[in-house]
């Protein structure tokens, strides 16, 4: 099967359209960040840099860190950008862009998101490392794809949805992170729990400014949720789509975030550059 120009969109350099990258520009180890400026913050740890590019909000640096070739790519905010990023990264390694045909031999990428998040447990301090065991998606990206959820994911997701009593207009899904990558990142420095991926920063995360929320008490219900020692640890805006699309395409994905706010305690970090550099170093050493 040949992918037509309208489906596999390439630029005039035969690069994937949004990321502006060629296959040789990326490693099979990829760190995703939302913030464009965080790419350079991470690549500053590299021993050498072989590739640097930017197209729109998608910045990419590829280089070597202690013998490991790693790419860092910014995605911008939200699961809509993750839909672009995951599909185009997969195309770079699993589609022949010249022939526009799927490759017979597939490449599985290892993808770790480093981000910031809001903590949903009062006992977890600001600046903690929050490691996602699962992502509970309040977005709709996964609903547009054929995703095979495990029995454990379907049952845990249903239990959480019933606990929240969400309106029928919201159809969440729950999917797990790569157990291998999560195990590599887990230590006594991390807090592991279910990450809620929100489709927005204000109302969808329970914030209210001038516009009144249609759902009340959701954050308190998320904080109180318990099921077989599983609990909800944090809010962020990308992981559900990363885990769902990544696994469906044959890649391994994980997320670790720096908690910059504690929502139950109404606390927000007064500055976290040093703590973020600490998290970056932590991930690079274990990735």
C-alpha atoms as a PDB file:
ATOM      1  CA  UNK A   1       0.000   0.000   0.000  1.00  0.00           C
ATOM      2  CA  UNK A   2       1.289   3.452  -0.920  1.00  0.00           C
ATOM      3  CA  UNK A   3       0.346   6.386   1.317  1.00  0.00           C
ATOM      4  CA  UNK A   4      -0.981   9.276  -0.818  1.00  0.00           C
ATOM      5  CA  UNK A   5       0.306  12.847  -0.479  1.00  0.00           C
ATOM      6  CA  UNK A   6      -2.860  13.948   1.314  1.00  0.00           C
ATOM      7  CA  UNK A   7      -2.325  11.362   4.102  1.00  0.00           C
ATOM      8  CA  UNK A   8       1.456  11.202   4.497  1.00  0.00           C
ATOM      9  CA  UNK A   9       2.209  14.907   4.198  1.00  0.00           C
ATOM     10  CA  UNK A  10       5.847  15.779   3.485  1.00  0.00           C
ATOM     11  CA  UNK A  11       7.615  19.069   2.879  1.00  0.00           C
ATOM     12  CA  UNK A  12       9.780  19.895  -0.152  1.00  0.00           C
ATOM     13  CA  UNK A  13      12.782  18.259   1.557  1.00  0.00           C
ATOM     14  CA  UNK A  14      10.872  14.986   1.928  1.00  0.00           C
ATOM     15  CA  UNK A  15      10.660  15.507   5.679  1.00  0.00           C
ATOM     16  CA  UNK A  16       7.578  14.881   7.823  1.00  0.00           C
ATOM     17  CA  UNK A  17       5.468  17.999   7.516  1.00  0.00           C
ATOM     18  CA  UNK A  18       5.087  19.392  11.036  1.00  0.00           C
ATOM     19  CA  UNK A  19       8.242  18.168  12.783  1.00  0.00           C
ATOM     20  CA  UNK A  20      10.443  19.094   9.815  1.00  0.00           C
ATOM     21  CA  UNK A  21      12.637  16.050  10.394  1.00  0.00           C
ATOM     22  CA  UNK A  22      14.273  13.318   8.320  1.00  0.00           C
ATOM     23  CA  UNK A  23      14.777   9.758   9.598  1.00  0.00           C
ATOM     24  CA  UNK A  24      18.500  10.245  10.222  1.00  0.00           C
ATOM     25  CA  UNK A  25      17.795  13.228  12.503  1.00  0.00           C
ATOM     26  CA  UNK A  26      16.328  11.185  15.352  1.00  0.00           C
ATOM     27  CA  UNK A  27      17.442   8.450  17.726  1.00  0.00           C
ATOM     28  CA  UNK A  28      15.347   5.507  18.888  1.00  0.00           C
ATOM     29  CA  UNK A  29      15.543   7.074  22.370  1.00  0.00           C
ATOM     30  CA  UNK A  30      13.383  10.195  22.474  1.00  0.00           C
ATOM     31  CA  UNK A  31      12.573  12.663  25.238  1.00  0.00           C
ATOM     32  CA  UNK A  32       9.443  14.744  24.687  1.00  0.00           C
ATOM     33  CA  UNK A  33       8.946  18.121  26.365  1.00  0.00           C
ATOM     34  CA  UNK A  34       6.179  20.659  26.002  1.00  0.00           C
ATOM     35  CA  UNK A  35       8.302  23.790  26.392  1.00  0.00           C
ATOM     36  CA  UNK A  36      10.563  24.682  23.439  1.00  0.00           C
ATOM     37  CA  UNK A  37      13.156  26.206  25.781  1.00  0.00           C
ATOM     38  CA  UNK A  38      13.457  22.937  27.698  1.00  0.00           C
ATOM     39  CA  UNK A  39      15.047  21.255  24.658  1.00  0.00           C
ATOM     40  CA  UNK A  40      18.222  23.331  24.999  1.00  0.00           C
ATOM     41  CA  UNK A  41      18.124  22.869  28.772  1.00  0.00           C
ATOM     42  CA  UNK A  42      18.318  19.105  28.227  1.00  0.00           C
ATOM     43  CA  UNK A  43      20.825  19.106  25.357  1.00  0.00           C
ATOM     44  CA  UNK A  44      23.144  21.229  27.518  1.00  0.00           C
ATOM     45  CA  UNK A  45      23.783  17.969  29.411  1.00  0.00           C
ATOM     46  CA  UNK A  46      24.882  16.198  26.194  1.00  0.00           C
ATOM     47  CA  UNK A  47      28.523  15.421  25.495  1.00  0.00           C
ATOM     48  CA  UNK A  48      27.952  16.369  21.845  1.00  0.00           C
ATOM     49  CA  UNK A  49      25.113  17.565  19.608  1.00  0.00           C
ATOM     50  CA  UNK A  50      24.826  16.347  16.006  1.00  0.00           C
ATOM     51  CA  UNK A  51      21.473  17.834  14.948  1.00  0.00           C
ATOM     52  CA  UNK A  52      19.476  20.960  15.801  1.00  0.00           C
ATOM     53  CA  UNK A  53      16.317  22.130  14.065  1.00  0.00           C
ATOM     54  CA  UNK A  54      13.088  24.028  14.635  1.00  0.00           C
ATOM     55  CA  UNK A  55       9.828  24.100  12.697  1.00  0.00           C
ATOM     56  CA  UNK A  56       6.908  25.878  14.341  1.00  0.00           C
ATOM     57  CA  UNK A  57       6.857  24.780  18.007  1.00  0.00           C
ATOM     58  CA  UNK A  58       8.731  21.567  17.233  1.00  0.00           C
ATOM     59  CA  UNK A  59      12.377  21.949  18.281  1.00  0.00           C
ATOM     60  CA  UNK A  60      14.669  18.933  17.988  1.00  0.00           C
ATOM     61  CA  UNK A  61      18.193  18.369  19.325  1.00  0.00           C
ATOM     62  CA  UNK A  62      19.923  14.994  18.873  1.00  0.00           C
ATOM     63  CA  UNK A  63      23.206  14.154  20.519  1.00  0.00           C
ATOM     64  CA  UNK A  64      25.216  11.845  22.759  1.00  0.00           C
ATOM     65  CA  UNK A  65      24.950  11.512  26.538  1.00  0.00           C
ATOM     66  CA  UNK A  66      27.377   9.087  28.193  1.00  0.00           C
ATOM     67  CA  UNK A  67      27.437   6.827  25.146  1.00  0.00           C
ATOM     68  CA  UNK A  68      23.683   6.998  24.506  1.00  0.00           C
ATOM     69  CA  UNK A  69      22.265   8.709  21.404  1.00  0.00           C
ATOM     70  CA  UNK A  70      19.180  10.675  22.464  1.00  0.00           C
ATOM     71  CA  UNK A  71      16.771  13.050  20.714  1.00  0.00           C
ATOM     72  CA  UNK A  72      14.865  15.763  22.563  1.00  0.00           C
ATOM     73  CA  UNK A  73      11.766  17.142  20.851  1.00  0.00           C
ATOM     74  CA  UNK A  74       9.329  19.834  21.978  1.00  0.00           C
ATOM     75  CA  UNK A  75       5.654  19.200  21.297  1.00  0.00           C
ATOM     76  CA  UNK A  76       3.905  22.301  22.560  1.00  0.00           C
ATOM     77  CA  UNK A  77       0.933  21.889  24.864  1.00  0.00           C
ATOM     78  CA  UNK A  78      -1.920  19.417  24.516  1.00  0.00           C
ATOM     79  CA  UNK A  79      -2.909  16.040  23.127  1.00  0.00           C
ATOM     80  CA  UNK A  80      -3.698  17.498  19.690  1.00  0.00           C
ATOM     81  CA  UNK A  81       0.025  18.210  19.260  1.00  0.00           C
ATOM     82  CA  UNK A  82       0.832  14.734  20.563  1.00  0.00           C
ATOM     83  CA  UNK A  83      -1.315  13.271  17.778  1.00  0.00           C
ATOM     84  CA  UNK A  84       0.950  15.043  15.288  1.00  0.00           C
ATOM     85  CA  UNK A  85       4.180  14.185  17.106  1.00  0.00           C
ATOM     86  CA  UNK A  86       3.568  10.458  17.627  1.00  0.00           C
ATOM     87  CA  UNK A  87       2.276   9.833  14.114  1.00  0.00           C
ATOM     88  CA  UNK A  88       5.167  11.686  12.492  1.00  0.00           C
ATOM     89  CA  UNK A  89       7.825  10.085  14.699  1.00  0.00           C
ATOM     90  CA  UNK A  90       6.423   6.684  13.779  1.00  0.00           C
ATOM     91  CA  UNK A  91       6.411   7.620  10.093  1.00  0.00           C
ATOM     92  CA  UNK A  92      10.099   8.550  10.331  1.00  0.00           C
ATOM     93  CA  UNK A  93      11.073   5.047  11.459  1.00  0.00           C
ATOM     94  CA  UNK A  94       8.371   2.758  10.058  1.00  0.00           C
ATOM     95  CA  UNK A  95       7.475   4.263   6.665  1.00  0.00           C
ATOM     96  CA  UNK A  96       9.790   4.577   3.681  1.00  0.00           C
ATOM     97  CA  UNK A  97       9.245   8.270   2.924  1.00  0.00           C
ATOM     98  CA  UNK A  98      10.587   7.948  -0.643  1.00  0.00           C
ATOM     99  CA  UNK A  99       8.463   4.951  -1.647  1.00  0.00           C
ATOM    100  CA  UNK A 100       5.592   6.040   0.676  1.00  0.00           C
ATOM    101  CA  UNK A 101       5.264   2.439   1.830  1.00  0.00           C
ATOM    102  CA  UNK A 102       5.194   0.811   5.255  1.00  0.00           C
ATOM    103  CA  UNK A 103       8.453  -0.907   6.141  1.00  0.00           C
ATOM    104  CA  UNK A 104       8.480  -4.662   6.723  1.00  0.00           C
ATOM    105  CA  UNK A 105      10.914  -4.445   9.643  1.00  0.00           C
ATOM    106  CA  UNK A 106       9.516  -2.194  12.350  1.00  0.00           C
ATOM    107  CA  UNK A 107      11.421   0.026  14.791  1.00  0.00           C
ATOM    108  CA  UNK A 108      10.146   0.454  18.337  1.00  0.00           C
ATOM    109  CA  UNK A 109      10.967   3.828  19.862  1.00  0.00           C
ATOM    110  CA  UNK A 110      11.523   4.425  23.572  1.00  0.00           C
ATOM    111  CA  UNK A 111       9.783   7.693  24.455  1.00  0.00           C
ATOM    112  CA  UNK A 112       9.855   9.515  27.800  1.00  0.00           C
ATOM    113  CA  UNK A 113       7.950  12.701  28.453  1.00  0.00           C
ATOM    114  CA  UNK A 114       9.533  15.123  30.937  1.00  0.00           C
ATOM    115  CA  UNK A 115       7.018  17.743  32.001  1.00  0.00           C
ATOM    116  CA  UNK A 116       5.473  19.722  34.806  1.00  0.00           C
ATOM    117  CA  UNK A 117       2.235  18.884  36.561  1.00  0.00           C
ATOM    118  CA  UNK A 118      -0.226  19.719  39.293  1.00  0.00           C
ATOM    119  CA  UNK A 119      -0.170  17.335  42.250  1.00  0.00           C
ATOM    120  CA  UNK A 120      -3.530  15.962  43.447  1.00  0.00           C
ATOM    121  CA  UNK A 121      -2.432  14.418  46.763  1.00  0.00           C
ATOM    122  CA  UNK A 122      -1.919  16.735  49.771  1.00  0.00           C
ATOM    123  CA  UNK A 123       0.888  14.556  51.150  1.00  0.00           C
ATOM    124  CA  UNK A 124       3.107  14.878  48.042  1.00  0.00           C
ATOM    125  CA  UNK A 125       5.304  17.999  48.218  1.00  0.00           C
ATOM    126  CA  UNK A 126       5.799  20.527  45.438  1.00  0.00           C
ATOM    127  CA  UNK A 127       8.939  19.730  43.377  1.00  0.00           C
ATOM    128  CA  UNK A 128       8.412  15.963  43.760  1.00  0.00           C
ATOM    129  CA  UNK A 129       9.064  13.628  40.826  1.00  0.00           C
ATOM    130  CA  UNK A 130       5.709  12.192  39.722  1.00  0.00           C
ATOM    131  CA  UNK A 131       5.921   8.983  37.678  1.00  0.00           C
ATOM    132  CA  UNK A 132       2.832   7.889  35.731  1.00  0.00           C
ATOM    133  CA  UNK A 133       1.684   4.284  36.121  1.00  0.00           C
ATOM    134  CA  UNK A 134      -1.330   5.011  33.898  1.00  0.00           C
ATOM    135  CA  UNK A 135      -2.906   7.975  32.144  1.00  0.00           C
ATOM    136  CA  UNK A 136      -6.623   8.729  32.474  1.00  0.00           C
ATOM    137  CA  UNK A 137      -7.497  10.681  29.356  1.00  0.00           C
ATOM    138  CA  UNK A 138     -10.165  13.368  29.498  1.00  0.00           C
ATOM    139  CA  UNK A 139      -9.266  14.174  25.879  1.00  0.00           C
ATOM    140  CA  UNK A 140     -10.719  12.446  22.815  1.00  0.00           C
ATOM    141  CA  UNK A 141      -7.629  11.620  20.720  1.00  0.00           C
ATOM    142  CA  UNK A 142      -7.623   7.858  21.386  1.00  0.00           C
ATOM    143  CA  UNK A 143     -11.282   7.597  20.351  1.00  0.00           C
ATOM    144  CA  UNK A 144     -10.256   8.241  16.726  1.00  0.00           C
ATOM    145  CA  UNK A 145      -8.010   5.147  16.582  1.00  0.00           C
ATOM    146  CA  UNK A 146      -8.325   1.401  17.030  1.00  0.00           C
ATOM    147  CA  UNK A 147      -6.784   0.994  20.480  1.00  0.00           C
ATOM    148  CA  UNK A 148      -6.767  -2.369  22.263  1.00  0.00           C
ATOM    149  CA  UNK A 149      -7.176  -1.731  25.977  1.00  0.00           C
ATOM    150  CA  UNK A 150      -6.306  -4.482  28.444  1.00  0.00           C
ATOM    151  CA  UNK A 151      -8.846  -5.878  30.882  1.00  0.00           C
ATOM    152  CA  UNK A 152      -7.007  -4.167  33.750  1.00  0.00           C
ATOM    153  CA  UNK A 153      -7.102  -0.818  31.957  1.00  0.00           C
ATOM    154  CA  UNK A 154     -10.798  -1.098  31.106  1.00  0.00           C
ATOM    155  CA  UNK A 155     -11.773  -2.128  34.637  1.00  0.00           C
ATOM    156  CA  UNK A 156      -9.650   0.508  36.396  1.00  0.00           C
ATOM    157  CA  UNK A 157     -10.823   3.192  33.970  1.00  0.00           C
ATOM    158  CA  UNK A 158     -14.461   2.236  34.511  1.00  0.00           C
ATOM    159  CA  UNK A 159     -14.016   2.282  38.298  1.00  0.00           C
ATOM    160  CA  UNK A 160     -12.488   5.756  38.187  1.00  0.00           C
ATOM    161  CA  UNK A 161     -15.144   7.046  35.795  1.00  0.00           C
ATOM    162  CA  UNK A 162     -17.927   5.767  38.065  1.00  0.00           C
ATOM    163  CA  UNK A 163     -16.244   7.389  41.065  1.00  0.00           C
ATOM    164  CA  UNK A 164     -16.183  10.750  39.271  1.00  0.00           C
ATOM    165  CA  UNK A 165     -19.739  10.435  37.908  1.00  0.00           C
ATOM    166  CA  UNK A 166     -18.784  12.463  34.838  1.00  0.00           C
ATOM    167  CA  UNK A 167     -21.488  13.676  32.425  1.00  0.00           C
ATOM    168  CA  UNK A 168     -22.114  11.572  29.308  1.00  0.00           C
ATOM    169  CA  UNK A 169     -20.459  14.273  27.179  1.00  0.00           C
ATOM    170  CA  UNK A 170     -17.084  13.202  28.617  1.00  0.00           C
ATOM    171  CA  UNK A 171     -15.902   9.709  27.671  1.00  0.00           C
ATOM    172  CA  UNK A 172     -12.506   9.153  29.311  1.00  0.00           C
ATOM    173  CA  UNK A 173     -10.130   6.252  28.739  1.00  0.00           C
ATOM    174  CA  UNK A 174      -7.318   4.794  30.842  1.00  0.00           C
ATOM    175  CA  UNK A 175      -4.098   3.320  29.508  1.00  0.00           C
ATOM    176  CA  UNK A 176      -0.883   2.182  31.158  1.00  0.00           C
ATOM    177  CA  UNK A 177       2.675   3.371  30.674  1.00  0.00           C
ATOM    178  CA  UNK A 178       5.451   1.071  29.491  1.00  0.00           C
ATOM    179  CA  UNK A 179       6.325  -1.150  32.433  1.00  0.00           C
ATOM    180  CA  UNK A 180       9.939  -1.411  31.270  1.00  0.00           C
ATOM    181  CA  UNK A 181      10.511   2.345  31.080  1.00  0.00           C
ATOM    182  CA  UNK A 182       8.547   2.988  34.270  1.00  0.00           C
ATOM    183  CA  UNK A 183      10.711   0.443  36.090  1.00  0.00           C
ATOM    184  CA  UNK A 184      13.859   2.179  34.801  1.00  0.00           C
ATOM    185  CA  UNK A 185      12.624   5.557  36.092  1.00  0.00           C
ATOM    186  CA  UNK A 186      11.178   4.409  39.426  1.00  0.00           C
ATOM    187  CA  UNK A 187      13.115   4.880  42.668  1.00  0.00           C
ATOM    188  CA  UNK A 188      12.639   6.097  46.218  1.00  0.00           C
ATOM    189  CA  UNK A 189      12.764   9.617  44.721  1.00  0.00           C
ATOM    190  CA  UNK A 190       9.549   9.126  42.723  1.00  0.00           C
ATOM    191  CA  UNK A 191       5.841   9.064  43.546  1.00  0.00           C
ATOM    192  CA  UNK A 192       4.000   6.704  41.181  1.00  0.00           C
ATOM    193  CA  UNK A 193       0.287   7.038  40.455  1.00  0.00           C
ATOM    194  CA  UNK A 194      -2.431   7.570  37.868  1.00  0.00           C
ATOM    195  CA  UNK A 195      -1.964  10.734  35.826  1.00  0.00           C
ATOM    196  CA  UNK A 196      -5.054  12.586  34.629  1.00  0.00           C
ATOM    197  CA  UNK A 197      -4.535  14.065  31.167  1.00  0.00           C
ATOM    198  CA  UNK A 198      -6.744  17.098  30.759  1.00  0.00           C
ATOM    199  CA  UNK A 199      -7.853  18.752  27.528  1.00  0.00           C
ATOM    200  CA  UNK A 200      -7.271  22.213  29.002  1.00  0.00           C
ATOM    201  CA  UNK A 201      -5.577  24.097  31.838  1.00  0.00           C
ATOM    202  CA  UNK A 202      -8.457  26.024  33.408  1.00  0.00           C
ATOM    203  CA  UNK A 203     -11.957  24.552  33.479  1.00  0.00           C
ATOM    204  CA  UNK A 204     -10.887  21.000  32.543  1.00  0.00           C
ATOM    205  CA  UNK A 205      -8.531  21.012  35.537  1.00  0.00           C
ATOM    206  CA  UNK A 206     -11.110  22.458  37.914  1.00  0.00           C
ATOM    207  CA  UNK A 207      -9.903  26.058  37.769  1.00  0.00           C
ATOM    208  CA  UNK A 208     -12.464  28.819  37.567  1.00  0.00           C
ATOM    209  CA  UNK A 209     -11.850  32.437  36.657  1.00  0.00           C
ATOM    210  CA  UNK A 210     -14.683  34.432  35.050  1.00  0.00           C
ATOM    211  CA  UNK A 211     -16.255  31.470  33.270  1.00  0.00           C
ATOM    212  CA  UNK A 212     -18.256  29.178  35.543  1.00  0.00           C
ATOM    213  CA  UNK A 213     -17.383  25.486  35.500  1.00  0.00           C
ATOM    214  CA  UNK A 214     -20.074  22.989  34.539  1.00  0.00           C
ATOM    215  CA  UNK A 215     -18.531  20.224  36.697  1.00  0.00           C
ATOM    216  CA  UNK A 216     -17.980  20.822  40.402  1.00  0.00           C
ATOM    217  CA  UNK A 217     -15.963  18.843  42.915  1.00  0.00           C
ATOM    218  CA  UNK A 218     -13.997  16.800  40.344  1.00  0.00           C
ATOM    219  CA  UNK A 219     -10.586  17.515  41.863  1.00  0.00           C
ATOM    220  CA  UNK A 220     -11.724  16.436  45.322  1.00  0.00           C
ATOM    221  CA  UNK A 221     -13.070  13.183  43.861  1.00  0.00           C
ATOM    222  CA  UNK A 222      -9.811  12.571  42.016  1.00  0.00           C
ATOM    223  CA  UNK A 223      -7.879  13.097  45.255  1.00  0.00           C
ATOM    224  CA  UNK A 224     -10.095  10.674  47.187  1.00  0.00           C
ATOM    225  CA  UNK A 225     -10.035   7.862  44.609  1.00  0.00           C
ATOM    226  CA  UNK A 226      -8.540   4.541  45.765  1.00  0.00           C
ATOM    227  CA  UNK A 227      -8.722   1.145  44.054  1.00  0.00           C
ATOM    228  CA  UNK A 228      -6.438  -1.760  45.019  1.00  0.00           C
ATOM    229  CA  UNK A 229      -3.742   0.695  46.198  1.00  0.00           C
ATOM    230  CA  UNK A 230      -4.061   2.704  42.968  1.00  0.00           C
ATOM    231  CA  UNK A 231      -4.579   6.451  43.388  1.00  0.00           C
ATOM    232  CA  UNK A 232      -4.597   9.587  41.237  1.00  0.00           C
ATOM    233  CA  UNK A 233      -1.341  11.488  41.633  1.00  0.00           C
ATOM    234  CA  UNK A 234      -1.442  14.431  39.240  1.00  0.00           C
ATOM    235  CA  UNK A 235      -2.908  16.495  36.395  1.00  0.00           C
ATOM    236  CA  UNK A 236      -1.106  17.234  33.113  1.00  0.00           C
ATOM    237  CA  UNK A 237      -2.005  17.593  29.416  1.00  0.00           C
ATOM    238  CA  UNK A 238      -0.215  15.077  27.152  1.00  0.00           C
ATOM    239  CA  UNK A 239       0.341  11.568  28.539  1.00  0.00           C
ATOM    240  CA  UNK A 240      -2.875   9.764  27.587  1.00  0.00           C
ATOM    241  CA  UNK A 241      -2.310  10.343  23.867  1.00  0.00           C
ATOM    242  CA  UNK A 242       1.390   9.468  24.167  1.00  0.00           C
ATOM    243  CA  UNK A 243       0.626   6.149  25.852  1.00  0.00           C
ATOM    244  CA  UNK A 244      -2.331   5.225  23.628  1.00  0.00           C
ATOM    245  CA  UNK A 245      -0.885   6.093  20.228  1.00  0.00           C
ATOM    246  CA  UNK A 246       2.598   5.009  21.200  1.00  0.00           C
ATOM    247  CA  UNK A 247       1.580   1.532  22.281  1.00  0.00           C
ATOM    248  CA  UNK A 248      -0.793   1.053  19.326  1.00  0.00           C
ATOM    249  CA  UNK A 249       2.102   1.885  16.988  1.00  0.00           C
ATOM    250  CA  UNK A 250       4.492  -0.464  18.793  1.00  0.00           C
ATOM    251  CA  UNK A 251       6.501   2.040  20.846  1.00  0.00           C
ATOM    252  CA  UNK A 252       7.228   2.138  24.595  1.00  0.00           C
ATOM    253  CA  UNK A 253       6.238   5.321  26.403  1.00  0.00           C
ATOM    254  CA  UNK A 254       6.486   6.758  29.907  1.00  0.00           C
ATOM    255  CA  UNK A 255       6.001  10.097  31.665  1.00  0.00           C
ATOM    256  CA  UNK A 256       7.743  11.655  34.631  1.00  0.00           C
ATOM    257  CA  UNK A 257       6.827  15.161  35.754  1.00  0.00           C
ATOM    258  CA  UNK A 258       8.029  17.723  38.228  1.00  0.00           C
ATOM    259  CA  UNK A 259       5.175  18.735  40.482  1.00  0.00           C
ATOM    260  CA  UNK A 260       5.032  22.540  40.369  1.00  0.00           C
ATOM    261  CA  UNK A 261       1.652  22.927  42.102  1.00  0.00           C
ATOM    262  CA  UNK A 262      -0.186  21.119  44.856  1.00  0.00           C
ATOM    263  CA  UNK A 263      -3.853  21.595  44.064  1.00  0.00           C
ATOM    264  CA  UNK A 264      -5.392  20.370  47.388  1.00  0.00           C
ATOM    265  CA  UNK A 265      -2.978  22.581  49.346  1.00  0.00           C
ATOM    266  CA  UNK A 266      -3.357  25.499  46.879  1.00  0.00           C
ATOM    267  CA  UNK A 267       0.420  25.832  46.538  1.00  0.00           C
ATOM    268  CA  UNK A 268       2.449  26.799  43.466  1.00  0.00           C
ATOM    269  CA  UNK A 269       6.224  26.729  43.035  1.00  0.00           C
ATOM    270  CA  UNK A 270       8.021  30.051  43.363  1.00  0.00           C
ATOM    271  CA  UNK A 271      10.643  28.890  40.857  1.00  0.00           C
ATOM    272  CA  UNK A 272      11.736  25.451  39.706  1.00  0.00           C
ATOM    273  CA  UNK A 273      14.636  25.751  37.249  1.00  0.00           C
ATOM    274  CA  UNK A 274      17.107  24.018  39.572  1.00  0.00           C
ATOM    275  CA  UNK A 275      14.613  21.260  40.371  1.00  0.00           C
ATOM    276  CA  UNK A 276      13.846  20.731  36.672  1.00  0.00           C
ATOM    277  CA  UNK A 277      17.564  20.377  35.918  1.00  0.00           C
ATOM    278  CA  UNK A 278      17.706  17.797  38.695  1.00  0.00           C
ATOM    279  CA  UNK A 279      14.862  15.838  37.080  1.00  0.00           C
ATOM    280  CA  UNK A 280      16.521  16.034  33.657  1.00  0.00           C
ATOM    281  CA  UNK A 281      19.761  14.632  35.068  1.00  0.00           C
ATOM    282  CA  UNK A 282      17.792  11.909  36.866  1.00  0.00           C
ATOM    283  CA  UNK A 283      16.078  10.819  33.621  1.00  0.00           C
ATOM    284  CA  UNK A 284      19.187  10.966  31.423  1.00  0.00           C
ATOM    285  CA  UNK A 285      21.067   8.707  33.819  1.00  0.00           C
ATOM    286  CA  UNK A 286      18.287   6.081  33.746  1.00  0.00           C
ATOM    287  CA  UNK A 287      17.093   6.281  30.127  1.00  0.00           C
END
